[in-house]
PDB file of all heavy atoms in Angstrom:
ATOM      1  N   THR A   1     -19.467   5.922 -22.682  1.00  0.00           N
ATOM      2  CA  THR A   1     -20.805   6.345 -23.065  1.00  0.00           C
ATOM      3  C   THR A   1     -21.268   7.429 -22.097  1.00  0.00           C
ATOM      4  O   THR A   1     -20.533   7.846 -21.200  1.00  0.00           O
ATOM      5  CB  THR A   1     -21.765   5.136 -23.077  1.00  0.00           C
ATOM      6  OG1 THR A   1     -23.003   5.509 -23.674  1.00  0.00           O
ATOM      7  CG2 THR A   1     -22.003   4.585 -21.673  1.00  0.00           C
ATOM      8  N   ILE A   2     -22.490   7.903 -22.302  1.00  0.00           N
ATOM      9  CA  ILE A   2     -23.090   8.891 -21.408  1.00  0.00           C
ATOM     10  C   ILE A   2     -24.107   8.186 -20.514  1.00  0.00           C
ATOM     11  O   ILE A   2     -24.873   7.343 -20.979  1.00  0.00           O
ATOM     12  CB  ILE A   2     -23.807  10.004 -22.208  1.00  0.00           C
ATOM     13  CG1 ILE A   2     -22.846  10.681 -23.179  1.00  0.00           C
ATOM     14  CG2 ILE A   2     -24.413  11.035 -21.256  1.00  0.00           C
ATOM     15  CD1 ILE A   2     -23.527  11.668 -24.120  1.00  0.00           C
ATOM     16  N   VAL A   3     -24.105   8.544 -19.240  1.00  0.00           N
ATOM     17  CA  VAL A   3     -25.107   8.059 -18.289  1.00  0.00           C
ATOM     18  C   VAL A   3     -25.771   9.260 -17.628  1.00  0.00           C
ATOM     19  O   VAL A   3     -25.089  10.204 -17.213  1.00  0.00           O
ATOM     20  CB  VAL A   3     -24.467   7.160 -17.203  1.00  0.00           C
ATOM     21  CG1 VAL A   3     -25.503   6.761 -16.152  1.00  0.00           C
ATOM     22  CG2 VAL A   3     -23.825   5.924 -17.818  1.00  0.00           C
ATOM     23  N   ASN A   4     -27.095   9.255 -17.558  1.00  0.00           N
ATOM     24  CA  ASN A   4     -27.819  10.217 -16.732  1.00  0.00           C
ATOM     25  C   ASN A   4     -28.204   9.497 -15.442  1.00  0.00           C
ATOM     26  O   ASN A   4     -29.090   8.648 -15.431  1.00  0.00           O
ATOM     27  CB  ASN A   4     -29.068  10.732 -17.458  1.00  0.00           C
ATOM     28  CG  ASN A   4     -29.729  11.903 -16.731  1.00  0.00           C
ATOM     29  OD1 ASN A   4     -29.334  12.258 -15.618  1.00  0.00           O
ATOM     30  ND2 ASN A   4     -30.746  12.489 -17.352  1.00  0.00           N
ATOM     31  N   ASP A   5     -27.493   9.828 -14.369  1.00  0.00           N
ATOM     32  CA  ASP A   5     -27.763   9.201 -13.073  1.00  0.00           C
ATOM     33  C   ASP A   5     -28.927   9.935 -12.410  1.00  0.00           C
ATOM     34  O   ASP A   5     -28.748  10.700 -11.457  1.00  0.00           O
ATOM     35  CB  ASP A   5     -26.500   9.237 -12.205  1.00  0.00           C
ATOM     36  CG  ASP A   5     -26.720   8.670 -10.819  1.00  0.00           C
ATOM     37  OD1 ASP A   5     -27.696   7.905 -10.632  1.00  0.00           O
ATOM     38  OD2 ASP A   5     -25.922   8.984  -9.915  1.00  0.00           O
ATOM     39  N   VAL A   6     -30.123   9.720 -12.938  1.00  0.00           N
ATOM     40  CA  VAL A   6     -31.317  10.375 -12.395  1.00  0.00           C
ATOM     41  C   VAL A   6     -31.512   9.914 -10.948  1.00  0.00           C
ATOM     42  O   VAL A   6     -31.340   8.726 -10.631  1.00  0.00           O
ATOM     43  CB  VAL A   6     -32.551  10.051 -13.256  1.00  0.00           C
ATOM     44  CG1 VAL A   6     -33.765  10.821 -12.759  1.00  0.00           C
ATOM     45  CG2 VAL A   6     -32.283  10.378 -14.728  1.00  0.00           C
ATOM     46  N   SER A   7     -31.865  10.872 -10.080  1.00  0.00           N
ATOM     47  CA  SER A   7     -31.877  10.602  -8.636  1.00  0.00           C
ATOM     48  C   SER A   7     -33.077  11.254  -7.974  1.00  0.00           C
ATOM     49  O   SER A   7     -33.298  12.455  -8.152  1.00  0.00           O
ATOM     50  CB  SER A   7     -30.601  11.167  -7.988  1.00  0.00           C
ATOM     51  OG  SER A   7     -29.437  10.759  -8.679  1.00  0.00           O
ATOM     52  N   GLU A   8     -33.834  10.468  -7.212  1.00  0.00           N
ATOM     53  CA  GLU A   8     -34.916  11.040  -6.401  1.00  0.00           C
ATOM     54  C   GLU A   8     -34.324  11.352  -5.027  1.00  0.00           C
ATOM     55  O   GLU A   8     -34.069  10.455  -4.222  1.00  0.00           O
ATOM     56  CB  GLU A   8     -36.077  10.054  -6.298  1.00  0.00           C
ATOM     57  CG  GLU A   8     -37.461  10.700  -6.219  1.00  0.00           C
ATOM     58  CD  GLU A   8     -37.661  11.665  -5.063  1.00  0.00           C
ATOM     59  OE1 GLU A   8     -36.996  11.538  -4.024  1.00  0.00           O
ATOM     60  OE2 GLU A   8     -38.523  12.558  -5.201  1.00  0.00           O
ATOM     61  N   ARG A   9     -34.047  12.636  -4.788  1.00  0.00           N
ATOM     62  CA  ARG A   9     -33.268  13.018  -3.599  1.00  0.00           C
ATOM     63  C   ARG A   9     -33.994  12.729  -2.290  1.00  0.00           C
ATOM     64  O   ARG A   9     -33.357  12.394  -1.285  1.00  0.00           O
ATOM     65  CB  ARG A   9     -32.913  14.500  -3.671  1.00  0.00           C
ATOM     66  CG  ARG A   9     -32.129  14.921  -4.900  1.00  0.00           C
ATOM     67  CD  ARG A   9     -30.798  14.224  -5.023  1.00  0.00           C
ATOM     68  NE  ARG A   9     -30.004  14.833  -6.101  1.00  0.00           N
ATOM     69  CZ  ARG A   9     -28.848  14.358  -6.527  1.00  0.00           C
ATOM     70  NH1 ARG A   9     -28.341  13.249  -6.002  1.00  0.00           N
ATOM     71  NH2 ARG A   9     -28.189  14.966  -7.492  1.00  0.00           N
ATOM     72  N   ALA A  10     -35.314  12.867  -2.267  1.00  0.00           N
ATOM     73  CA  ALA A  10     -36.035  12.548  -1.028  1.00  0.00           C
ATOM     74  C   ALA A  10     -35.899  11.067  -0.714  1.00  0.00           C
ATOM     75  O   ALA A  10     -35.668  10.685   0.446  1.00  0.00           O
ATOM     76  CB  ALA A  10     -37.506  12.949  -1.153  1.00  0.00           C
ATOM     77  N   PHE A  11     -36.033  10.206  -1.726  1.00  0.00           N
ATOM     78  CA  PHE A  11     -35.839   8.767  -1.506  1.00  0.00           C
ATOM     79  C   PHE A  11     -34.404   8.490  -1.079  1.00  0.00           C
ATOM     80  O   PHE A  11     -34.138   7.642  -0.226  1.00  0.00           O
ATOM     81  CB  PHE A  11     -36.119   7.983  -2.795  1.00  0.00           C
ATOM     82  CG  PHE A  11     -37.543   7.993  -3.288  1.00  0.00           C
ATOM     83  CD1 PHE A  11     -38.530   8.751  -2.687  1.00  0.00           C
ATOM     84  CD2 PHE A  11     -37.889   7.223  -4.387  1.00  0.00           C
ATOM     85  CE1 PHE A  11     -39.833   8.754  -3.155  1.00  0.00           C
ATOM     86  CE2 PHE A  11     -39.199   7.211  -4.870  1.00  0.00           C
ATOM     87  CZ  PHE A  11     -40.162   7.977  -4.257  1.00  0.00           C
ATOM     88  N   GLN A  12     -33.468   9.201  -1.707  1.00  0.00           N
ATOM     89  CA  GLN A  12     -32.047   8.950  -1.505  1.00  0.00           C
ATOM     90  C   GLN A  12     -31.557   9.373  -0.118  1.00  0.00           C
ATOM     91  O   GLN A  12     -30.786   8.651   0.517  1.00  0.00           O
ATOM     92  CB  GLN A  12     -31.241   9.701  -2.571  1.00  0.00           C
ATOM     93  CG  GLN A  12     -29.726   9.612  -2.418  1.00  0.00           C
ATOM     94  CD  GLN A  12     -28.987  10.566  -3.350  1.00  0.00           C
ATOM     95  OE1 GLN A  12     -29.597  11.224  -4.197  1.00  0.00           O
ATOM     96  NE2 GLN A  12     -27.683  10.653  -3.193  1.00  0.00           N
ATOM     97  N   ILE A  13     -32.013  10.552   0.332  1.00  0.00           N
ATOM     98  CA  ILE A  13     -31.389  11.188   1.493  1.00  0.00           C
ATOM     99  C   ILE A  13     -32.294  11.208   2.718  1.00  0.00           C
ATOM    100  O   ILE A  13     -31.813  11.093   3.855  1.00  0.00           O
ATOM    101  CB  ILE A  13     -30.974  12.632   1.132  1.00  0.00           C
ATOM    102  CG1 ILE A  13     -29.939  12.603  -0.005  1.00  0.00           C
ATOM    103  CG2 ILE A  13     -30.425  13.363   2.346  1.00  0.00           C
ATOM    104  CD1 ILE A  13     -29.648  13.965  -0.609  1.00  0.00           C
ATOM    105  N   GLU A  14     -33.602  11.321   2.499  1.00  0.00           N
ATOM    106  CA  GLU A  14     -34.504  11.598   3.614  1.00  0.00           C
ATOM    107  C   GLU A  14     -35.242  10.375   4.135  1.00  0.00           C
ATOM    108  O   GLU A  14     -36.011  10.486   5.096  1.00  0.00           O
ATOM    109  CB  GLU A  14     -35.527  12.661   3.189  1.00  0.00           C
ATOM    110  CG  GLU A  14     -34.875  13.969   2.750  1.00  0.00           C
ATOM    111  CD  GLU A  14     -35.853  14.937   2.114  1.00  0.00           C
ATOM    112  OE1 GLU A  14     -37.081  14.740   2.303  1.00  0.00           O
ATOM    113  OE2 GLU A  14     -35.403  15.873   1.426  1.00  0.00           O
ATOM    114  N   ARG A  15     -35.021   9.212   3.522  1.00  0.00           N
ATOM    115  CA  ARG A  15     -35.815   8.051   3.911  1.00  0.00           C
ATOM    116  C   ARG A  15     -34.961   6.904   4.442  1.00  0.00           C
ATOM    117  O   ARG A  15     -35.372   5.747   4.445  1.00  0.00           O
ATOM    118  CB  ARG A  15     -36.676   7.606   2.724  1.00  0.00           C
ATOM    119  CG  ARG A  15     -37.679   8.689   2.318  1.00  0.00           C
ATOM    120  CD  ARG A  15     -38.597   8.286   1.199  1.00  0.00           C
ATOM    121  NE  ARG A  15     -39.410   7.135   1.540  1.00  0.00           N
ATOM    122  CZ  ARG A  15     -40.350   6.624   0.728  1.00  0.00           C
ATOM    123  NH1 ARG A  15     -40.584   7.186  -0.442  1.00  0.00           N
ATOM    124  NH2 ARG A  15     -41.040   5.566   1.088  1.00  0.00           N
ATOM    125  N   GLY A  16     -33.761   7.240   4.931  1.00  0.00           N
ATOM    126  CA  GLY A  16     -32.927   6.256   5.596  1.00  0.00           C
ATOM    127  C   GLY A  16     -32.267   5.281   4.638  1.00  0.00           C
ATOM    128  O   GLY A  16     -32.625   5.184   3.466  1.00  0.00           O
ATOM    129  N   GLY A  17     -31.265   4.554   5.160  1.00  0.00           N
ATOM    130  CA  GLY A  17     -30.655   3.493   4.376  1.00  0.00           C
ATOM    131  C   GLY A  17     -29.714   3.999   3.303  1.00  0.00           C
ATOM    132  O   GLY A  17     -29.121   5.066   3.413  1.00  0.00           O
ATOM    133  N   GLN A  18     -29.603   3.240   2.232  1.00  0.00           N
ATOM    134  CA  GLN A  18     -28.606   3.473   1.210  1.00  0.00           C
ATOM    135  C   GLN A  18     -29.127   4.394   0.100  1.00  0.00           C
ATOM    136  O   GLN A  18     -30.326   4.481  -0.149  1.00  0.00           O
ATOM    137  CB  GLN A  18     -28.175   2.140   0.598  1.00  0.00           C
ATOM    138  CG  GLN A  18     -27.560   1.172   1.599  1.00  0.00           C
ATOM    139  CD  GLN A  18     -26.239   1.679   2.141  1.00  0.00           C
ATOM    140  OE1 GLN A  18     -25.407   2.186   1.411  1.00  0.00           O
ATOM    141  NE2 GLN A  18     -26.038   1.530   3.441  1.00  0.00           N
ATOM    142  N   TRP A  19     -28.177   5.025  -0.618  1.00  0.00           N
ATOM    143  CA  TRP A  19     -28.531   5.894  -1.724  1.00  0.00           C
ATOM    144  C   TRP A  19     -29.262   5.134  -2.838  1.00  0.00           C
ATOM    145  O   TRP A  19     -30.019   5.726  -3.608  1.00  0.00           O
ATOM    146  CB  TRP A  19     -27.268   6.513  -2.321  1.00  0.00           C
ATOM    147  CG  TRP A  19     -26.629   7.558  -1.477  1.00  0.00           C
ATOM    148  CD1 TRP A  19     -27.007   7.953  -0.234  1.00  0.00           C
ATOM    149  CD2 TRP A  19     -25.495   8.350  -1.834  1.00  0.00           C
ATOM    150  NE1 TRP A  19     -26.174   8.942   0.225  1.00  0.00           N
ATOM    151  CE2 TRP A  19     -25.228   9.201  -0.735  1.00  0.00           C
ATOM    152  CE3 TRP A  19     -24.676   8.412  -2.948  1.00  0.00           C
ATOM    153  CZ2 TRP A  19     -24.175  10.116  -0.751  1.00  0.00           C
ATOM    154  CZ3 TRP A  19     -23.629   9.321  -2.960  1.00  0.00           C
ATOM    155  CH2 TRP A  19     -23.388  10.158  -1.876  1.00  0.00           C
ATOM    156  N   THR A  20     -29.025   3.844  -2.934  1.00  0.00           N
ATOM    157  CA  THR A  20     -29.548   3.036  -4.038  1.00  0.00           C
ATOM    158  C   THR A  20     -31.045   3.222  -4.234  1.00  0.00           C
ATOM    159  O   THR A  20     -31.537   3.232  -5.365  1.00  0.00           O
ATOM    160  CB  THR A  20     -29.224   1.548  -3.800  1.00  0.00           C
ATOM    161  OG1 THR A  20     -27.797   1.404  -3.746  1.00  0.00           O
ATOM    162  CG2 THR A  20     -29.765   0.672  -4.900  1.00  0.00           C
ATOM    163  N   LYS A  21     -31.802   3.391  -3.156  1.00  0.00           N
ATOM    164  CA  LYS A  21     -33.263   3.473  -3.279  1.00  0.00           C
ATOM    165  C   LYS A  21     -33.694   4.737  -4.022  1.00  0.00           C
ATOM    166  O   LYS A  21     -34.757   4.749  -4.636  1.00  0.00           O
ATOM    167  CB  LYS A  21     -33.934   3.389  -1.906  1.00  0.00           C
ATOM    168  CG  LYS A  21     -33.663   4.576  -0.995  1.00  0.00           C
ATOM    169  CD  LYS A  21     -34.526   4.511   0.262  1.00  0.00           C
ATOM    170  CE  LYS A  21     -34.015   3.485   1.235  1.00  0.00           C
ATOM    171  NZ  LYS A  21     -34.743   3.556   2.531  1.00  0.00           N
ATOM    172  N   GLY A  22     -32.899   5.789  -3.998  1.00  0.00           N
ATOM    173  CA  GLY A  22     -33.225   7.000  -4.742  1.00  0.00           C
ATOM    174  C   GLY A  22     -32.659   7.019  -6.141  1.00  0.00           C
ATOM    175  O   GLY A  22     -32.922   7.951  -6.911  1.00  0.00           O
ATOM    176  N   LYS A  23     -31.876   5.997  -6.467  1.00  0.00           N
ATOM    177  CA  LYS A  23     -31.185   5.954  -7.756  1.00  0.00           C
ATOM    178  C   LYS A  23     -31.764   4.918  -8.711  1.00  0.00           C
ATOM    179  O   LYS A  23     -31.390   4.899  -9.895  1.00  0.00           O
ATOM    180  CB  LYS A  23     -29.707   5.614  -7.510  1.00  0.00           C
ATOM    181  CG  LYS A  23     -28.964   6.596  -6.612  1.00  0.00           C
ATOM    182  CD  LYS A  23     -28.602   7.857  -7.358  1.00  0.00           C
ATOM    183  CE  LYS A  23     -27.653   8.744  -6.568  1.00  0.00           C
ATOM    184  NZ  LYS A  23     -27.116   9.855  -7.383  1.00  0.00           N
ATOM    185  N   SER A  24     -32.634   4.047  -8.236  1.00  0.00           N
ATOM    186  CA  SER A  24     -32.977   2.834  -8.976  1.00  0.00           C
ATOM    187  C   SER A  24     -34.398   2.785  -9.505  1.00  0.00           C
ATOM    188  O   SER A  24     -34.846   1.735  -9.971  1.00  0.00           O
ATOM    189  CB  SER A  24     -32.733   1.611  -8.081  1.00  0.00           C
ATOM    190  OG  SER A  24     -31.360   1.479  -7.786  1.00  0.00           O
ATOM    191  N   CYS A  25     -35.120   3.904  -9.450  1.00  0.00           N
ATOM    192  CA  CYS A  25     -36.486   3.902  -9.972  1.00  0.00           C
ATOM    193  C   CYS A  25     -36.466   3.569 -11.465  1.00  0.00           C
ATOM    194  O   CYS A  25     -35.498   3.849 -12.174  1.00  0.00           O
ATOM    195  CB  CYS A  25     -37.137   5.260  -9.746  1.00  0.00           C
ATOM    196  SG  CYS A  25     -37.138   5.786  -8.016  1.00  0.00           S
ATOM    197  N   ASP A  26     -37.548   2.979 -11.941  1.00  0.00           N
ATOM    198  CA  ASP A  26     -37.649   2.651 -13.361  1.00  0.00           C
ATOM    199  C   ASP A  26     -37.357   3.894 -14.207  1.00  0.00           C
ATOM    200  O   ASP A  26     -37.828   4.999 -13.878  1.00  0.00           O
ATOM    201  CB  ASP A  26     -39.045   2.134 -13.686  1.00  0.00           C
ATOM    202  CG  ASP A  26     -39.337   0.778 -13.044  1.00  0.00           C
ATOM    203  OD1 ASP A  26     -38.396   0.150 -12.512  1.00  0.00           O
ATOM    204  OD2 ASP A  26     -40.505   0.358 -13.076  1.00  0.00           O
ATOM    205  N   THR A  27     -36.611   3.712 -15.277  1.00  0.00           N
ATOM    206  CA  THR A  27     -36.198   4.728 -16.264  1.00  0.00           C
ATOM    207  C   THR A  27     -35.094   5.646 -15.760  1.00  0.00           C
ATOM    208  O   THR A  27     -34.685   6.564 -16.479  1.00  0.00           O
ATOM    209  CB  THR A  27     -37.366   5.600 -16.778  1.00  0.00           C
ATOM    210  OG1 THR A  27     -37.767   6.561 -15.775  1.00  0.00           O
ATOM    211  CG2 THR A  27     -38.572   4.746 -17.188  1.00  0.00           C
ATOM    212  N   PHE A  28     -34.568   5.431 -14.566  1.00  0.00           N
ATOM    213  CA  PHE A  28     -33.623   6.370 -13.961  1.00  0.00           C
ATOM    214  C   PHE A  28     -32.175   6.153 -14.394  1.00  0.00           C
ATOM    215  O   PHE A  28     -31.267   6.746 -13.794  1.00  0.00           O
ATOM    216  CB  PHE A  28     -33.715   6.308 -12.424  1.00  0.00           C
ATOM    217  CG  PHE A  28     -34.715   7.274 -11.827  1.00  0.00           C
ATOM    218  CD1 PHE A  28     -35.804   7.710 -12.543  1.00  0.00           C
ATOM    219  CD2 PHE A  28     -34.560   7.733 -10.523  1.00  0.00           C
ATOM    220  CE1 PHE A  28     -36.730   8.588 -11.990  1.00  0.00           C
ATOM    221  CE2 PHE A  28     -35.472   8.607  -9.955  1.00  0.00           C
ATOM    222  CZ  PHE A  28     -36.554   9.044 -10.687  1.00  0.00           C
ATOM    223  N   CYS A  29     -31.940   5.351 -15.446  1.00  0.00           N
ATOM    224  CA  CYS A  29     -30.553   5.148 -15.897  1.00  0.00           C
ATOM    225  C   CYS A  29     -30.472   5.159 -17.428  1.00  0.00           C
ATOM    226  O   CYS A  29     -30.148   4.143 -18.044  1.00  0.00           O
ATOM    227  CB  CYS A  29     -29.989   3.848 -15.339  1.00  0.00           C
ATOM    228  SG  CYS A  29     -28.199   3.668 -15.561  1.00  0.00           S
TER     229      CYS A  29
END
């Protein structure tokens, strides 16, 4: 199938920890 891995880059990269926090916002998959 097709997946749009929508990503909030500031959450993902600039706020520490794992990438998951920038990838998991509601509607982001």
